[in-house]
């Protein structure tokens, strides 16, 4: 039990109350050539936000690893993959569709 001043009054507070977890979504890249996951900077409050960030990251991948030479997001392609990591730690592969040169939500290739 800890004592905290809450609204000007000293009150006892259980430690468990202070254990607040920050539930965030994250991105991970997967280097298909090396066979390894790597972190992608950023934290997102909602799944919609992380999906938009995933599409932006895929656009960056397309510039660095063009589909014409890497095979893109096709199963036989070696372009890096993008995974969404949920707040509970589980992850799933995410892809976007390229329309007019920009990735939009959907799956799987440009």
C-alpha atoms as a PDB file:
ATOM      1  CA  UNK A   1       0.000   0.000   0.000  1.00  0.00           C
ATOM      2  CA  UNK A   2       1.327   3.419  -0.951  1.00  0.00           C
ATOM      3  CA  UNK A   3       0.162   6.856   0.184  1.00  0.00           C
ATOM      4  CA  UNK A   4      -0.504   9.514  -2.457  1.00  0.00           C
ATOM      5  CA  UNK A   5      -1.852  13.013  -2.265  1.00  0.00           C
ATOM      6  CA  UNK A   6      -4.947  12.999  -4.463  1.00  0.00           C
ATOM      7  CA  UNK A   7      -6.869  16.257  -4.798  1.00  0.00           C
ATOM      8  CA  UNK A   8      -5.158  17.607  -1.698  1.00  0.00           C
ATOM      9  CA  UNK A   9      -5.967  14.600   0.499  1.00  0.00           C
ATOM     10  CA  UNK A  10      -3.553  11.832   1.492  1.00  0.00           C
ATOM     11  CA  UNK A  11      -5.029   8.495   0.407  1.00  0.00           C
ATOM     12  CA  UNK A  12      -3.838   4.889   0.443  1.00  0.00           C
ATOM     13  CA  UNK A  13      -3.447   3.377  -3.037  1.00  0.00           C
ATOM     14  CA  UNK A  14      -2.735  -0.272  -3.858  1.00  0.00           C
ATOM     15  CA  UNK A  15       0.299  -0.881  -6.085  1.00  0.00           C
ATOM     16  CA  UNK A  16      -1.899  -2.769  -8.565  1.00  0.00           C
ATOM     17  CA  UNK A  17      -3.811   0.422  -9.316  1.00  0.00           C
ATOM     18  CA  UNK A  18      -0.587   2.063 -10.472  1.00  0.00           C
ATOM     19  CA  UNK A  19       0.221  -0.685 -12.972  1.00  0.00           C
ATOM     20  CA  UNK A  20      -1.307   0.902 -16.030  1.00  0.00           C
ATOM     21  CA  UNK A  21      -0.248  -0.614 -19.313  1.00  0.00           C
ATOM     22  CA  UNK A  22      -0.022   1.496 -22.406  1.00  0.00           C
ATOM     23  CA  UNK A  23      -1.882  -0.337 -25.152  1.00  0.00           C
ATOM     24  CA  UNK A  24      -0.307   0.573 -28.450  1.00  0.00           C
ATOM     25  CA  UNK A  25      -0.032  -0.857 -31.920  1.00  0.00           C
ATOM     26  CA  UNK A  26       3.378  -1.067 -33.566  1.00  0.00           C
ATOM     27  CA  UNK A  27       4.914  -2.044 -36.883  1.00  0.00           C
ATOM     28  CA  UNK A  28       7.596  -4.603 -37.600  1.00  0.00           C
ATOM     29  CA  UNK A  29       9.383  -5.191 -40.829  1.00  0.00           C
ATOM     30  CA  UNK A  30      10.487  -8.618 -41.987  1.00  0.00           C
ATOM     31  CA  UNK A  31      13.654  -8.866 -44.022  1.00  0.00           C
ATOM     32  CA  UNK A  32      12.838 -11.715 -46.400  1.00  0.00           C
ATOM     33  CA  UNK A  33      16.452 -12.003 -47.516  1.00  0.00           C
ATOM     34  CA  UNK A  34      17.854 -12.338 -43.975  1.00  0.00           C
ATOM     35  CA  UNK A  35      14.771 -14.028 -42.498  1.00  0.00           C
ATOM     36  CA  UNK A  36      14.636 -11.620 -39.544  1.00  0.00           C
ATOM     37  CA  UNK A  37      12.113  -9.210 -38.035  1.00  0.00           C
ATOM     38  CA  UNK A  38      13.161  -5.637 -37.299  1.00  0.00           C
ATOM     39  CA  UNK A  39      11.389  -2.812 -35.437  1.00  0.00           C
ATOM     40  CA  UNK A  40       9.846   0.095 -37.317  1.00  0.00           C
ATOM     41  CA  UNK A  41       9.776   3.303 -35.228  1.00  0.00           C
ATOM     42  CA  UNK A  42       6.403   4.558 -33.987  1.00  0.00           C
ATOM     43  CA  UNK A  43       3.509   3.729 -31.689  1.00  0.00           C
ATOM     44  CA  UNK A  44      -0.148   4.070 -32.628  1.00  0.00           C
ATOM     45  CA  UNK A  45      -3.278   4.318 -30.491  1.00  0.00           C
ATOM     46  CA  UNK A  46      -5.649   2.610 -32.939  1.00  0.00           C
ATOM     47  CA  UNK A  47      -5.572  -0.090 -35.567  1.00  0.00           C
ATOM     48  CA  UNK A  48      -6.656   2.421 -38.208  1.00  0.00           C
ATOM     49  CA  UNK A  49      -3.649   4.630 -37.393  1.00  0.00           C
ATOM     50  CA  UNK A  50      -1.190   1.740 -37.593  1.00  0.00           C
ATOM     51  CA  UNK A  51      -2.688   0.578 -40.909  1.00  0.00           C
ATOM     52  CA  UNK A  52      -2.135   4.030 -42.403  1.00  0.00           C
ATOM     53  CA  UNK A  53       1.442   3.997 -41.114  1.00  0.00           C
ATOM     54  CA  UNK A  54       1.913   0.513 -42.598  1.00  0.00           C
ATOM     55  CA  UNK A  55       0.841   1.773 -46.020  1.00  0.00           C
ATOM     56  CA  UNK A  56       3.258   4.688 -45.752  1.00  0.00           C
ATOM     57  CA  UNK A  57       6.065   2.322 -44.764  1.00  0.00           C
ATOM     58  CA  UNK A  58       5.223   0.069 -47.717  1.00  0.00           C
ATOM     59  CA  UNK A  59       5.538   3.074 -50.003  1.00  0.00           C
ATOM     60  CA  UNK A  60       9.022   3.653 -48.588  1.00  0.00           C
ATOM     61  CA  UNK A  61       9.847  -0.018 -49.175  1.00  0.00           C
ATOM     62  CA  UNK A  62       8.659   0.289 -52.768  1.00  0.00           C
ATOM     63  CA  UNK A  63      11.074   3.186 -53.299  1.00  0.00           C
ATOM     64  CA  UNK A  64      13.990   1.307 -51.693  1.00  0.00           C
ATOM     65  CA  UNK A  65      13.152  -2.156 -53.051  1.00  0.00           C
ATOM     66  CA  UNK A  66      11.154  -1.630 -56.267  1.00  0.00           C
ATOM     67  CA  UNK A  67       8.724  -4.408 -57.178  1.00  0.00           C
ATOM     68  CA  UNK A  68      10.239  -4.563 -60.651  1.00  0.00           C
ATOM     69  CA  UNK A  69      13.514  -5.874 -59.228  1.00  0.00           C
ATOM     70  CA  UNK A  70      12.470  -7.391 -55.875  1.00  0.00           C
ATOM     71  CA  UNK A  71       9.297  -9.180 -56.906  1.00  0.00           C
ATOM     72  CA  UNK A  72       7.311  -6.959 -54.543  1.00  0.00           C
ATOM     73  CA  UNK A  73       4.943  -8.458 -51.988  1.00  0.00           C
ATOM     74  CA  UNK A  74       4.251 -11.598 -53.988  1.00  0.00           C
ATOM     75  CA  UNK A  75       5.080 -14.847 -52.170  1.00  0.00           C
ATOM     76  CA  UNK A  76       8.132 -15.295 -54.398  1.00  0.00           C
ATOM     77  CA  UNK A  77       9.230 -11.647 -53.980  1.00  0.00           C
ATOM     78  CA  UNK A  78      12.034 -10.582 -51.675  1.00  0.00           C
ATOM     79  CA  UNK A  79      10.694  -7.127 -50.815  1.00  0.00           C
ATOM     80  CA  UNK A  80      10.483  -6.722 -47.038  1.00  0.00           C
ATOM     81  CA  UNK A  81       7.124  -7.555 -45.459  1.00  0.00           C
ATOM     82  CA  UNK A  82       5.156  -5.429 -43.013  1.00  0.00           C
ATOM     83  CA  UNK A  83       3.551  -6.768 -39.845  1.00  0.00           C
ATOM     84  CA  UNK A  84       1.178  -5.054 -37.445  1.00  0.00           C
ATOM     85  CA  UNK A  85       1.842  -5.835 -33.788  1.00  0.00           C
ATOM     86  CA  UNK A  86      -1.295  -5.643 -31.652  1.00  0.00           C
ATOM     87  CA  UNK A  87      -1.245  -4.422 -28.032  1.00  0.00           C
ATOM     88  CA  UNK A  88      -1.356  -8.051 -26.833  1.00  0.00           C
ATOM     89  CA  UNK A  89       1.860  -8.802 -28.746  1.00  0.00           C
ATOM     90  CA  UNK A  90       0.334 -10.898 -31.517  1.00  0.00           C
ATOM     91  CA  UNK A  91       1.157  -9.833 -35.048  1.00  0.00           C
ATOM     92  CA  UNK A  92      -0.178 -10.305 -38.534  1.00  0.00           C
ATOM     93  CA  UNK A  93       1.118  -9.558 -41.992  1.00  0.00           C
ATOM     94  CA  UNK A  94      -0.389  -6.468 -43.539  1.00  0.00           C
ATOM     95  CA  UNK A  95      -0.366  -5.277 -47.100  1.00  0.00           C
ATOM     96  CA  UNK A  96      -1.681  -2.360 -49.096  1.00  0.00           C
ATOM     97  CA  UNK A  97      -2.759  -1.992 -52.692  1.00  0.00           C
ATOM     98  CA  UNK A  98      -0.959   0.528 -54.863  1.00  0.00           C
ATOM     99  CA  UNK A  99      -3.282   2.858 -56.751  1.00  0.00           C
ATOM    100  CA  UNK A 100      -1.855   5.717 -58.715  1.00  0.00           C
ATOM    101  CA  UNK A 101       1.568   5.213 -57.148  1.00  0.00           C
ATOM    102  CA  UNK A 102       0.334   5.334 -53.545  1.00  0.00           C
ATOM    103  CA  UNK A 103      -0.470   2.479 -51.230  1.00  0.00           C
ATOM    104  CA  UNK A 104      -3.989   2.195 -49.920  1.00  0.00           C
ATOM    105  CA  UNK A 105      -5.514  -0.240 -47.469  1.00  0.00           C
ATOM    106  CA  UNK A 106      -5.945  -3.650 -49.035  1.00  0.00           C
ATOM    107  CA  UNK A 107      -3.787  -6.606 -49.945  1.00  0.00           C
ATOM    108  CA  UNK A 108      -1.192  -7.484 -51.262  1.00  0.00           C
ATOM    109  CA  UNK A 109       0.777  -5.796 -54.060  1.00  0.00           C
ATOM    110  CA  UNK A 110       1.581  -2.625 -55.936  1.00  0.00           C
END
